[in-house]
Amino acid sequence: MLLFVGLGNPGARYAGNRHNIGFMAVDEIARVHRAGPWRRRFQGEATEATIGGERVLLLRPETFMNESGRSVAEAMRFFKIPLADVVVFHDELDLPPAKLRMKAGGGNAGHNGLRSITAQCGNDYRRARMGIGHPGDKTLVHPYVLSDFAKSEQPWVEDLCRACADAAELLARGEDASFQNKVHLAMEGRGWGEVKGVKDRA
């Protein structure tokens, strides 16, 4: 059993926020891989799918971002899932929009969801860092991540989530570099080689 976690805040008020792109990614993975209905479990919503021949639990913590680790830890304990088999999809300020990078362990770059998971579970889980760009000033970060994607951004957001879903078998097999490359090529092929206006800080 693997655990794919999407980070976000629960409720309609936050559904379109940049901070919720992790929720959007696991929603699309669940749809493409014909997961069962979402059910309330592990202080969140969970469903299961078979991806690349592997059993995968998909989880959206409902604890609000800052307490995401409580939900993740509960699911890990229940299924005895090792940290190396946990993949967390989250928004990444230090990557330009429409980019994705995989990373295992490392710093949390001020991301409260990651900080909570590290505190509750350990640090060596795998991260699917989904670029949303940076507003350019630290004081603008909070309102930026808690505001909705603009209408003009929706196409790349949908394409990035779909690319993650289409390549998810590679993640399930532990081929993170191949997953990252396949997503990159898919986004280039859809014309998202560069989204203007935000510098790559990673």
N, C-alpha and C. Protein backbone atom coordinates (compact mmCIF):
# COMPACT_ATOMS: atom_id res chain seq x y z
N MET A 1 0.85 -1.21 0.00
CA MET A 1 0.00 0.00 0.00
C MET A 1 0.88 1.25 0.00
N LEU A 2 0.60 2.15 -0.94
CA LEU A 2 1.24 3.45 -0.97
C LEU A 2 0.23 4.50 -0.54
N LEU A 3 0.73 5.67 -0.16
CA LEU A 3 -0.12 6.77 0.26
C LEU A 3 0.21 8.00 -0.57
N PHE A 4 -0.78 8.47 -1.35
CA PHE A 4 -0.66 9.72 -2.10
C PHE A 4 -1.51 10.75 -1.37
N VAL A 5 -0.88 11.81 -0.88
CA VAL A 5 -1.56 12.84 -0.10
C VAL A 5 -1.62 14.13 -0.92
N GLY A 6 -2.80 14.73 -0.99
CA GLY A 6 -2.92 16.06 -1.56
C GLY A 6 -3.13 17.06 -0.45
N LEU A 7 -2.37 18.15 -0.45
CA LEU A 7 -2.52 19.16 0.60
C LEU A 7 -3.44 20.29 0.16
N GLY A 8 -4.22 20.79 1.11
CA GLY A 8 -5.13 21.89 0.86
C GLY A 8 -5.92 22.19 2.12
N ASN A 9 -6.83 23.12 2.00
CA ASN A 9 -7.76 23.44 3.10
C ASN A 9 -9.15 22.98 2.71
N PRO A 10 -9.93 22.44 3.67
CA PRO A 10 -11.26 21.92 3.34
C PRO A 10 -12.29 23.03 3.17
N GLY A 11 -13.34 22.72 2.42
CA GLY A 11 -14.48 23.64 2.30
C GLY A 11 -14.48 24.42 1.01
N ALA A 12 -15.68 24.82 0.59
CA ALA A 12 -15.88 25.52 -0.68
C ALA A 12 -15.10 26.84 -0.74
N ARG A 13 -14.94 27.49 0.40
CA ARG A 13 -14.26 28.79 0.44
C ARG A 13 -12.83 28.71 -0.10
N TYR A 14 -12.18 27.56 0.11
CA TYR A 14 -10.78 27.41 -0.28
C TYR A 14 -10.58 26.60 -1.56
N ALA A 15 -11.65 26.05 -2.11
CA ALA A 15 -11.53 25.04 -3.16
C ALA A 15 -10.68 25.48 -4.35
N GLY A 16 -10.77 26.76 -4.73
CA GLY A 16 -10.03 27.22 -5.90
C GLY A 16 -8.70 27.88 -5.59
N ASN A 17 -8.29 27.86 -4.31
CA ASN A 17 -7.05 28.53 -3.89
C ASN A 17 -5.79 27.90 -4.48
N ARG A 18 -4.76 28.71 -4.67
CA ARG A 18 -3.46 28.18 -5.08
C ARG A 18 -2.94 27.15 -4.07
N HIS A 19 -3.21 27.39 -2.80
CA HIS A 19 -2.76 26.48 -1.73
C HIS A 19 -3.39 25.09 -1.87
N ASN A 20 -4.45 24.98 -2.66
CA ASN A 20 -5.19 23.72 -2.76
C ASN A 20 -4.86 22.90 -4.00
N ILE A 21 -3.78 23.24 -4.69
CA ILE A 21 -3.46 22.50 -5.91
C ILE A 21 -3.16 21.03 -5.61
N GLY A 22 -2.71 20.72 -4.39
CA GLY A 22 -2.50 19.32 -4.02
C GLY A 22 -3.80 18.53 -4.00
N PHE A 23 -4.86 19.13 -3.45
CA PHE A 23 -6.19 18.51 -3.49
C PHE A 23 -6.59 18.25 -4.94
N MET A 24 -6.38 19.26 -5.80
CA MET A 24 -6.78 19.15 -7.20
C MET A 24 -6.06 17.98 -7.88
N ALA A 25 -4.78 17.81 -7.57
CA ALA A 25 -3.99 16.74 -8.19
C ALA A 25 -4.51 15.36 -7.78
N VAL A 26 -4.75 15.14 -6.48
CA VAL A 26 -5.22 13.80 -6.07
C VAL A 26 -6.66 13.56 -6.54
N ASP A 27 -7.46 14.62 -6.65
CA ASP A 27 -8.80 14.46 -7.22
C ASP A 27 -8.71 13.91 -8.65
N GLU A 28 -7.79 14.47 -9.42
CA GLU A 28 -7.65 14.04 -10.82
C GLU A 28 -7.06 12.64 -10.90
N ILE A 29 -6.12 12.31 -10.03
CA ILE A 29 -5.58 10.95 -10.00
C ILE A 29 -6.69 9.95 -9.68
N ALA A 30 -7.53 10.30 -8.70
CA ALA A 30 -8.65 9.42 -8.33
C ALA A 30 -9.60 9.23 -9.51
N ARG A 31 -9.87 10.32 -10.24
CA ARG A 31 -10.80 10.24 -11.37
C ARG A 31 -10.24 9.39 -12.50
N VAL A 32 -9.00 9.66 -12.89
CA VAL A 32 -8.39 8.96 -14.03
C VAL A 32 -8.20 7.47 -13.72
N HIS A 33 -7.88 7.16 -12.48
CA HIS A 33 -7.60 5.76 -12.12
C HIS A 33 -8.80 5.07 -11.48
N ARG A 34 -9.97 5.67 -11.65
CA ARG A 34 -11.26 5.06 -11.27
C ARG A 34 -11.26 4.58 -9.83
N ALA A 35 -10.85 5.46 -8.93
CA ALA A 35 -10.92 5.17 -7.50
C ALA A 35 -12.38 5.09 -7.07
N GLY A 36 -12.61 4.47 -5.92
CA GLY A 36 -13.95 4.41 -5.37
C GLY A 36 -14.37 5.78 -4.85
N PRO A 37 -15.58 5.86 -4.27
CA PRO A 37 -16.04 7.14 -3.72
C PRO A 37 -15.17 7.58 -2.54
N TRP A 38 -15.02 8.89 -2.38
CA TRP A 38 -14.31 9.43 -1.24
C TRP A 38 -15.12 9.17 0.03
N ARG A 39 -14.44 8.75 1.10
CA ARG A 39 -15.11 8.50 2.38
C ARG A 39 -14.36 9.22 3.49
N ARG A 40 -15.07 9.62 4.52
CA ARG A 40 -14.43 10.29 5.66
C ARG A 40 -13.64 9.28 6.47
N ARG A 41 -12.33 9.44 6.49
CA ARG A 41 -11.43 8.55 7.23
C ARG A 41 -10.18 9.33 7.58
N PHE A 42 -9.52 8.93 8.64
CA PHE A 42 -8.19 9.48 9.00
C PHE A 42 -8.20 11.01 9.09
N GLN A 43 -9.24 11.58 9.68
CA GLN A 43 -9.37 13.03 9.80
C GLN A 43 -9.28 13.71 8.44
N GLY A 44 -9.82 13.02 7.46
CA GLY A 44 -9.80 13.56 6.11
C GLY A 44 -10.77 12.82 5.24
N GLU A 45 -10.55 12.88 3.94
CA GLU A 45 -11.32 12.10 2.97
C GLU A 45 -10.34 11.21 2.23
N ALA A 46 -10.72 9.93 2.07
CA ALA A 46 -9.81 8.95 1.49
C ALA A 46 -10.55 8.07 0.49
N THR A 47 -9.79 7.56 -0.46
CA THR A 47 -10.29 6.58 -1.41
C THR A 47 -9.12 5.71 -1.83
N GLU A 48 -9.41 4.61 -2.49
CA GLU A 48 -8.34 3.71 -2.93
C GLU A 48 -8.43 3.49 -4.43
N ALA A 49 -7.26 3.27 -5.03
CA ALA A 49 -7.18 2.95 -6.46
C ALA A 49 -6.03 1.98 -6.67
N THR A 50 -6.10 1.24 -7.76
CA THR A 50 -4.95 0.43 -8.19
C THR A 50 -4.25 1.20 -9.29
N ILE A 51 -3.01 1.54 -9.04
CA ILE A 51 -2.23 2.37 -9.98
C ILE A 51 -0.92 1.65 -10.26
N GLY A 52 -0.68 1.34 -11.52
CA GLY A 52 0.54 0.62 -11.88
C GLY A 52 0.66 -0.72 -11.17
N GLY A 53 -0.48 -1.35 -10.94
CA GLY A 53 -0.48 -2.64 -10.26
C GLY A 53 -0.32 -2.56 -8.75
N GLU A 54 -0.23 -1.36 -8.22
CA GLU A 54 -0.04 -1.15 -6.78
C GLU A 54 -1.31 -0.59 -6.15
N ARG A 55 -1.56 -1.01 -4.92
CA ARG A 55 -2.70 -0.48 -4.17
C ARG A 55 -2.29 0.88 -3.59
N VAL A 56 -3.08 1.91 -3.87
CA VAL A 56 -2.74 3.26 -3.44
C VAL A 56 -3.92 3.87 -2.67
N LEU A 57 -3.62 4.38 -1.49
CA LEU A 57 -4.59 5.16 -0.73
C LEU A 57 -4.39 6.63 -1.09
N LEU A 58 -5.47 7.28 -1.53
CA LEU A 58 -5.44 8.71 -1.82
C LEU A 58 -6.10 9.43 -0.66
N LEU A 59 -5.44 10.48 -0.17
CA LEU A 59 -5.90 11.15 1.05
C LEU A 59 -5.90 12.66 0.89
N ARG A 60 -7.02 13.29 1.30
CA ARG A 60 -7.10 14.74 1.41
C ARG A 60 -7.36 15.06 2.88
N PRO A 61 -6.36 15.50 3.63
CA PRO A 61 -6.58 15.85 5.04
C PRO A 61 -7.61 16.96 5.17
N GLU A 62 -8.50 16.83 6.16
CA GLU A 62 -9.54 17.85 6.39
C GLU A 62 -9.25 18.63 7.67
N THR A 63 -8.00 18.61 8.09
CA THR A 63 -7.59 19.21 9.36
C THR A 63 -7.19 20.67 9.22
N PHE A 64 -7.30 21.22 8.02
CA PHE A 64 -6.67 22.48 7.62
C PHE A 64 -5.17 22.26 7.50
N MET A 65 -4.58 23.06 6.64
CA MET A 65 -3.20 22.85 6.20
C MET A 65 -2.22 22.66 7.36
N ASN A 66 -2.32 23.52 8.38
CA ASN A 66 -1.32 23.52 9.45
C ASN A 66 -1.29 22.26 10.29
N GLU A 67 -2.36 21.43 10.19
CA GLU A 67 -2.42 20.20 10.97
C GLU A 67 -2.46 18.96 10.07
N SER A 68 -2.01 19.09 8.84
CA SER A 68 -2.08 17.99 7.88
C SER A 68 -1.42 16.72 8.39
N GLY A 69 -0.37 16.87 9.17
CA GLY A 69 0.38 15.71 9.65
C GLY A 69 -0.43 14.75 10.50
N ARG A 70 -1.43 15.26 11.21
CA ARG A 70 -2.26 14.39 12.05
C ARG A 70 -3.00 13.37 11.19
N SER A 71 -3.55 13.83 10.08
CA SER A 71 -4.28 12.95 9.17
C SER A 71 -3.34 11.95 8.51
N VAL A 72 -2.21 12.44 8.02
CA VAL A 72 -1.24 11.57 7.34
C VAL A 72 -0.72 10.50 8.30
N ALA A 73 -0.38 10.89 9.53
CA ALA A 73 0.15 9.94 10.51
C ALA A 73 -0.87 8.85 10.83
N GLU A 74 -2.14 9.23 10.92
CA GLU A 74 -3.18 8.24 11.24
C GLU A 74 -3.31 7.21 10.12
N ALA A 75 -3.30 7.66 8.88
CA ALA A 75 -3.39 6.74 7.74
C ALA A 75 -2.16 5.84 7.67
N MET A 76 -0.98 6.41 7.89
CA MET A 76 0.25 5.62 7.87
C MET A 76 0.22 4.53 8.93
N ARG A 77 -0.21 4.89 10.14
CA ARG A 77 -0.25 3.91 11.23
C ARG A 77 -1.24 2.79 10.92
N PHE A 78 -2.40 3.15 10.40
CA PHE A 78 -3.45 2.17 10.15
C PHE A 78 -2.99 1.11 9.15
N PHE A 79 -2.34 1.55 8.07
CA PHE A 79 -1.92 0.62 7.02
C PHE A 79 -0.44 0.23 7.12
N LYS A 80 0.24 0.73 8.18
CA LYS A 80 1.68 0.45 8.35
C LYS A 80 2.47 0.80 7.08
N ILE A 81 2.23 2.01 6.59
CA ILE A 81 2.89 2.48 5.36
C ILE A 81 4.21 3.15 5.74
N PRO A 82 5.33 2.70 5.18
CA PRO A 82 6.61 3.36 5.46
C PRO A 82 6.69 4.74 4.82
N LEU A 83 7.51 5.60 5.39
CA LEU A 83 7.63 6.98 4.93
C LEU A 83 8.06 7.06 3.46
N ALA A 84 8.87 6.10 3.02
CA ALA A 84 9.35 6.11 1.64
C ALA A 84 8.23 5.85 0.63
N ASP A 85 7.07 5.35 1.11
CA ASP A 85 5.94 5.07 0.23
C ASP A 85 4.86 6.14 0.32
N VAL A 86 5.22 7.29 0.88
CA VAL A 86 4.30 8.42 0.99
C VAL A 86 4.72 9.50 -0.02
N VAL A 87 3.78 9.92 -0.85
CA VAL A 87 4.02 11.00 -1.82
C VAL A 87 3.04 12.14 -1.48
N VAL A 88 3.58 13.33 -1.27
CA VAL A 88 2.75 14.49 -0.91
C VAL A 88 2.75 15.48 -2.07
N PHE A 89 1.56 15.79 -2.59
CA PHE A 89 1.38 16.79 -3.65
C PHE A 89 1.08 18.13 -2.99
N HIS A 90 1.87 19.14 -3.31
CA HIS A 90 1.68 20.44 -2.64
C HIS A 90 2.09 21.60 -3.54
N ASP A 91 1.58 22.77 -3.21
CA ASP A 91 1.93 24.00 -3.91
C ASP A 91 3.36 24.40 -3.55
N GLU A 92 4.09 24.92 -4.53
CA GLU A 92 5.49 25.30 -4.33
C GLU A 92 5.73 26.71 -4.86
N LEU A 93 5.96 27.64 -3.94
CA LEU A 93 6.20 29.03 -4.31
C LEU A 93 7.50 29.21 -5.10
N ASP A 94 8.50 28.38 -4.82
CA ASP A 94 9.82 28.57 -5.40
C ASP A 94 9.99 27.90 -6.76
N LEU A 95 8.89 27.47 -7.35
CA LEU A 95 8.91 26.99 -8.74
C LEU A 95 7.94 27.85 -9.55
N PRO A 96 8.27 28.11 -10.81
CA PRO A 96 7.35 28.89 -11.63
C PRO A 96 6.07 28.12 -11.92
N PRO A 97 5.00 28.81 -12.26
CA PRO A 97 3.75 28.14 -12.55
C PRO A 97 3.90 27.07 -13.63
N ALA A 98 3.17 25.97 -13.44
CA ALA A 98 3.09 24.87 -14.40
C ALA A 98 4.31 23.95 -14.38
N LYS A 99 5.26 24.18 -13.48
CA LYS A 99 6.42 23.29 -13.34
C LYS A 99 6.19 22.31 -12.21
N LEU A 100 6.80 21.14 -12.31
CA LEU A 100 6.76 20.15 -11.24
C LEU A 100 8.16 19.59 -11.02
N ARG A 101 8.53 19.47 -9.76
CA ARG A 101 9.80 18.84 -9.39
C ARG A 101 9.54 17.85 -8.27
N MET A 102 10.21 16.71 -8.34
CA MET A 102 10.13 15.71 -7.28
C MET A 102 11.32 15.88 -6.34
N LYS A 103 11.08 15.61 -5.08
CA LYS A 103 12.14 15.71 -4.07
C LYS A 103 11.80 14.74 -2.94
N ALA A 104 12.81 14.12 -2.37
CA ALA A 104 12.60 13.28 -1.18
C ALA A 104 13.31 13.96 -0.02
N GLY A 105 12.58 14.16 1.07
CA GLY A 105 13.17 14.82 2.24
C GLY A 105 13.50 16.27 1.95
N GLY A 106 14.46 16.81 2.70
CA GLY A 106 14.88 18.20 2.51
C GLY A 106 14.07 19.16 3.35
N GLY A 107 14.27 20.44 3.11
CA GLY A 107 13.61 21.48 3.90
C GLY A 107 12.15 21.65 3.48
N ASN A 108 11.41 22.36 4.33
CA ASN A 108 9.99 22.56 4.07
C ASN A 108 9.67 23.95 3.54
N ALA A 109 10.68 24.80 3.40
CA ALA A 109 10.55 26.12 2.75
C ALA A 109 9.36 26.92 3.27
N GLY A 110 9.11 26.83 4.58
CA GLY A 110 8.04 27.62 5.17
C GLY A 110 6.65 27.11 4.89
N HIS A 111 6.53 25.92 4.29
CA HIS A 111 5.21 25.37 3.98
C HIS A 111 4.65 24.67 5.22
N ASN A 112 3.56 25.21 5.76
CA ASN A 112 3.04 24.70 7.03
C ASN A 112 2.50 23.28 6.95
N GLY A 113 1.97 22.90 5.79
CA GLY A 113 1.51 21.53 5.63
C GLY A 113 2.65 20.54 5.70
N LEU A 114 3.74 20.85 5.01
CA LEU A 114 4.92 19.98 5.05
C LEU A 114 5.53 19.97 6.45
N ARG A 115 5.58 21.11 7.07
CA ARG A 115 6.13 21.21 8.43
C ARG A 115 5.36 20.30 9.39
N SER A 116 4.05 20.29 9.26
CA SER A 116 3.21 19.45 10.12
C SER A 116 3.45 17.96 9.86
N ILE A 117 3.55 17.58 8.59
CA ILE A 117 3.82 16.17 8.26
C ILE A 117 5.18 15.74 8.80
N THR A 118 6.17 16.59 8.62
CA THR A 118 7.51 16.28 9.14
C THR A 118 7.49 16.11 10.65
N ALA A 119 6.78 16.98 11.36
CA ALA A 119 6.71 16.91 12.82
C ALA A 119 6.02 15.63 13.29
N GLN A 120 4.99 15.20 12.57
CA GLN A 120 4.18 14.05 13.00
C GLN A 120 4.73 12.71 12.49
N CYS A 121 5.38 12.73 11.32
CA CYS A 121 5.69 11.47 10.64
C CYS A 121 7.17 11.26 10.36
N GLY A 122 7.97 12.33 10.36
CA GLY A 122 9.34 12.25 9.87
C GLY A 122 9.46 13.01 8.57
N ASN A 123 10.69 13.17 8.09
CA ASN A 123 10.93 14.10 6.98
C ASN A 123 11.17 13.44 5.63
N ASP A 124 11.44 12.13 5.61
CA ASP A 124 11.94 11.52 4.38
C ASP A 124 10.84 10.98 3.47
N TYR A 125 9.73 11.69 3.39
CA TYR A 125 8.69 11.34 2.43
C TYR A 125 8.99 12.03 1.10
N ARG A 126 8.27 11.60 0.07
CA ARG A 126 8.50 12.11 -1.28
C ARG A 126 7.53 13.28 -1.54
N ARG A 127 8.06 14.32 -2.17
CA ARG A 127 7.24 15.52 -2.40
C ARG A 127 7.10 15.77 -3.90
N ALA A 128 5.86 15.93 -4.36
CA ALA A 128 5.59 16.38 -5.72
C ALA A 128 5.32 17.88 -5.62
N ARG A 129 6.32 18.68 -5.95
CA ARG A 129 6.28 20.13 -5.76
C ARG A 129 5.66 20.77 -7.00
N MET A 130 4.47 21.30 -6.85
CA MET A 130 3.72 21.85 -7.98
C MET A 130 3.85 23.37 -7.98
N GLY A 131 4.55 23.88 -8.97
CA GLY A 131 4.88 25.31 -8.99
C GLY A 131 3.66 26.21 -9.16
N ILE A 132 3.59 27.21 -8.29
CA ILE A 132 2.53 28.23 -8.43
C ILE A 132 3.13 29.62 -8.59
N GLY A 133 4.48 29.72 -8.59
CA GLY A 133 5.12 31.02 -8.69
C GLY A 133 5.10 31.76 -7.36
N HIS A 134 5.84 32.84 -7.30
CA HIS A 134 5.98 33.63 -6.07
C HIS A 134 5.49 35.05 -6.37
N PRO A 135 4.76 35.66 -5.44
CA PRO A 135 4.25 37.02 -5.71
C PRO A 135 5.33 38.09 -5.70
N GLY A 136 6.56 37.72 -5.29
CA GLY A 136 7.66 38.66 -5.38
C GLY A 136 8.03 39.36 -4.09
N ASP A 137 7.16 39.30 -3.10
CA ASP A 137 7.41 39.96 -1.82
C ASP A 137 6.88 39.04 -0.72
N LYS A 138 7.71 38.80 0.31
CA LYS A 138 7.31 37.90 1.39
C LYS A 138 5.98 38.28 2.03
N THR A 139 5.74 39.58 2.15
CA THR A 139 4.51 40.04 2.82
C THR A 139 3.25 39.70 2.01
N LEU A 140 3.43 39.38 0.73
CA LEU A 140 2.28 39.07 -0.14
C LEU A 140 1.98 37.58 -0.20
N VAL A 141 2.85 36.75 0.39
CA VAL A 141 2.72 35.30 0.23
C VAL A 141 1.40 34.78 0.77
N HIS A 142 1.04 35.17 2.00
CA HIS A 142 -0.17 34.63 2.63
C HIS A 142 -1.43 34.91 1.79
N PRO A 143 -1.69 36.18 1.43
CA PRO A 143 -2.88 36.42 0.59
C PRO A 143 -2.78 35.76 -0.79
N TYR A 144 -1.56 35.62 -1.30
CA TYR A 144 -1.37 35.02 -2.63
C TYR A 144 -1.78 33.55 -2.63
N VAL A 145 -1.29 32.77 -1.66
CA VAL A 145 -1.60 31.33 -1.66
C VAL A 145 -3.07 31.08 -1.31
N LEU A 146 -3.68 32.01 -0.56
CA LEU A 146 -5.09 31.83 -0.17
C LEU A 146 -6.06 32.55 -1.10
N SER A 147 -5.56 32.95 -2.27
CA SER A 147 -6.46 33.49 -3.29
C SER A 147 -6.61 32.45 -4.40
N ASP A 148 -7.71 32.56 -5.14
CA ASP A 148 -7.99 31.59 -6.19
C ASP A 148 -7.06 31.78 -7.38
N PHE A 149 -6.81 30.68 -8.10
CA PHE A 149 -6.15 30.80 -9.39
C PHE A 149 -7.00 31.70 -10.29
N ALA A 150 -6.33 32.54 -11.04
CA ALA A 150 -7.04 33.40 -12.00
C ALA A 150 -7.61 32.53 -13.11
N LYS A 151 -8.63 33.06 -13.79
CA LYS A 151 -9.25 32.31 -14.90
C LYS A 151 -8.20 31.95 -15.95
N SER A 152 -7.26 32.87 -16.16
CA SER A 152 -6.22 32.62 -17.17
C SER A 152 -5.26 31.51 -16.76
N GLU A 153 -5.21 31.20 -15.46
CA GLU A 153 -4.32 30.14 -14.97
C GLU A 153 -4.97 28.75 -15.00
N GLN A 154 -6.29 28.71 -15.06
CA GLN A 154 -6.99 27.43 -14.98
C GLN A 154 -6.52 26.40 -16.00
N PRO A 155 -6.25 26.78 -17.27
CA PRO A 155 -5.83 25.76 -18.23
C PRO A 155 -4.53 25.04 -17.83
N TRP A 156 -3.52 25.77 -17.35
CA TRP A 156 -2.29 25.06 -16.99
C TRP A 156 -2.47 24.26 -15.71
N VAL A 157 -3.31 24.75 -14.78
CA VAL A 157 -3.57 24.00 -13.55
C VAL A 157 -4.21 22.65 -13.89
N GLU A 158 -5.21 22.68 -14.76
CA GLU A 158 -5.89 21.45 -15.17
C GLU A 158 -4.94 20.52 -15.92
N ASP A 159 -4.11 21.09 -16.79
CA ASP A 159 -3.17 20.27 -17.55
C ASP A 159 -2.12 19.64 -16.63
N LEU A 160 -1.64 20.39 -15.63
CA LEU A 160 -0.63 19.86 -14.71
C LEU A 160 -1.22 18.72 -13.87
N CYS A 161 -2.44 18.89 -13.39
CA CYS A 161 -3.08 17.83 -12.61
C CYS A 161 -3.31 16.59 -13.48
N ARG A 162 -3.73 16.81 -14.73
CA ARG A 162 -3.96 15.68 -15.63
C ARG A 162 -2.63 14.97 -15.95
N ALA A 163 -1.57 15.74 -16.15
CA ALA A 163 -0.26 15.13 -16.42
C ALA A 163 0.21 14.28 -15.24
N CYS A 164 -0.04 14.77 -14.02
CA CYS A 164 0.30 13.98 -12.83
C CYS A 164 -0.49 12.67 -12.79
N ALA A 165 -1.77 12.75 -13.13
CA ALA A 165 -2.62 11.55 -13.12
C ALA A 165 -2.16 10.55 -14.19
N ASP A 166 -1.85 11.07 -15.37
CA ASP A 166 -1.44 10.19 -16.47
C ASP A 166 -0.12 9.48 -16.19
N ALA A 167 0.74 10.12 -15.39
CA ALA A 167 2.07 9.56 -15.10
C ALA A 167 2.13 8.87 -13.74
N ALA A 168 1.01 8.78 -13.05
CA ALA A 168 1.01 8.30 -11.66
C ALA A 168 1.54 6.87 -11.50
N GLU A 169 1.43 6.05 -12.54
CA GLU A 169 1.95 4.68 -12.45
C GLU A 169 3.44 4.69 -12.15
N LEU A 170 4.16 5.67 -12.70
CA LEU A 170 5.60 5.76 -12.45
C LEU A 170 5.87 6.06 -10.98
N LEU A 171 5.07 6.95 -10.38
CA LEU A 171 5.20 7.24 -8.95
C LEU A 171 4.94 5.99 -8.12
N ALA A 172 3.90 5.26 -8.49
CA ALA A 172 3.54 4.05 -7.74
C ALA A 172 4.66 3.01 -7.80
N ARG A 173 5.44 3.04 -8.87
CA ARG A 173 6.56 2.10 -9.01
C ARG A 173 7.85 2.65 -8.43
N GLY A 174 7.79 3.86 -7.85
CA GLY A 174 8.98 4.44 -7.25
C GLY A 174 9.92 5.11 -8.23
N GLU A 175 9.44 5.35 -9.46
CA GLU A 175 10.29 5.95 -10.50
C GLU A 175 10.03 7.45 -10.56
N ASP A 176 10.49 8.15 -9.51
CA ASP A 176 10.16 9.57 -9.37
C ASP A 176 10.77 10.43 -10.46
N ALA A 177 12.01 10.12 -10.85
CA ALA A 177 12.67 10.92 -11.90
C ALA A 177 11.93 10.77 -13.23
N SER A 178 11.49 9.54 -13.53
CA SER A 178 10.76 9.30 -14.77
C SER A 178 9.40 9.99 -14.72
N PHE A 179 8.76 9.98 -13.55
CA PHE A 179 7.48 10.69 -13.37
C PHE A 179 7.67 12.18 -13.65
N GLN A 180 8.69 12.77 -13.04
CA GLN A 180 8.95 14.21 -13.23
C GLN A 180 9.18 14.51 -14.71
N ASN A 181 9.95 13.66 -15.38
CA ASN A 181 10.27 13.88 -16.79
C ASN A 181 9.03 13.76 -17.66
N LYS A 182 8.18 12.77 -17.36
CA LYS A 182 6.97 12.58 -18.16
C LYS A 182 6.02 13.76 -18.00
N VAL A 183 5.89 14.27 -16.78
CA VAL A 183 5.05 15.45 -16.55
C VAL A 183 5.62 16.66 -17.30
N HIS A 184 6.94 16.82 -17.22
CA HIS A 184 7.60 17.93 -17.91
C HIS A 184 7.32 17.88 -19.42
N LEU A 185 7.49 16.70 -20.01
CA LEU A 185 7.28 16.57 -21.46
C LEU A 185 5.83 16.81 -21.82
N ALA A 186 4.90 16.34 -20.98
CA ALA A 186 3.48 16.57 -21.24
C ALA A 186 3.16 18.05 -21.21
N MET A 187 3.71 18.77 -20.25
CA MET A 187 3.44 20.20 -20.14
C MET A 187 4.07 20.98 -21.29
N GLU A 188 5.27 20.57 -21.69
CA GLU A 188 5.90 21.21 -22.86
C GLU A 188 5.04 20.99 -24.11
N GLY A 189 4.56 19.75 -24.25
CA GLY A 189 3.75 19.40 -25.40
C GLY A 189 2.44 20.16 -25.46
N ARG A 190 1.96 20.61 -24.30
CA ARG A 190 0.71 21.38 -24.26
C ARG A 190 0.97 22.89 -24.28
N GLY A 191 2.23 23.25 -24.51
CA GLY A 191 2.55 24.67 -24.68
C GLY A 191 2.86 25.42 -23.40
N TRP A 192 3.14 24.68 -22.31
CA TRP A 192 3.42 25.34 -21.03
C TRP A 192 4.92 25.29 -20.69
N GLY A 193 5.77 25.36 -21.70
CA GLY A 193 7.20 25.36 -21.43
C GLY A 193 7.62 26.52 -20.54
N GLU A 194 6.93 27.64 -20.69
CA GLU A 194 7.21 28.79 -19.84
C GLU A 194 5.93 29.60 -19.64
N VAL A 195 5.58 29.80 -18.39
CA VAL A 195 4.44 30.67 -18.07
C VAL A 195 5.02 32.03 -17.68
N LYS A 196 4.65 33.05 -18.39
CA LYS A 196 5.27 34.36 -18.22
C LYS A 196 4.98 34.99 -16.87
N GLY A 197 5.93 35.82 -16.42
CA GLY A 197 5.64 36.71 -15.31
C GLY A 197 6.22 36.32 -13.97
N VAL A 198 6.71 35.09 -13.84
CA VAL A 198 7.26 34.67 -12.55
C VAL A 198 8.62 34.03 -12.77
N LYS A 199 9.62 34.48 -12.06
CA LYS A 199 10.97 33.94 -12.20
C LYS A 199 11.10 32.60 -11.50
N ASP A 200 11.94 31.74 -12.05
CA ASP A 200 12.25 30.44 -11.42
C ASP A 200 13.25 30.70 -10.32
N ARG A 201 12.82 30.44 -9.05
CA ARG A 201 13.68 30.69 -7.91
C ARG A 201 14.31 29.40 -7.38
N ALA A 202 13.95 28.26 -7.95
CA ALA A 202 14.45 26.99 -7.41
C ALA A 202 15.83 26.64 -7.98
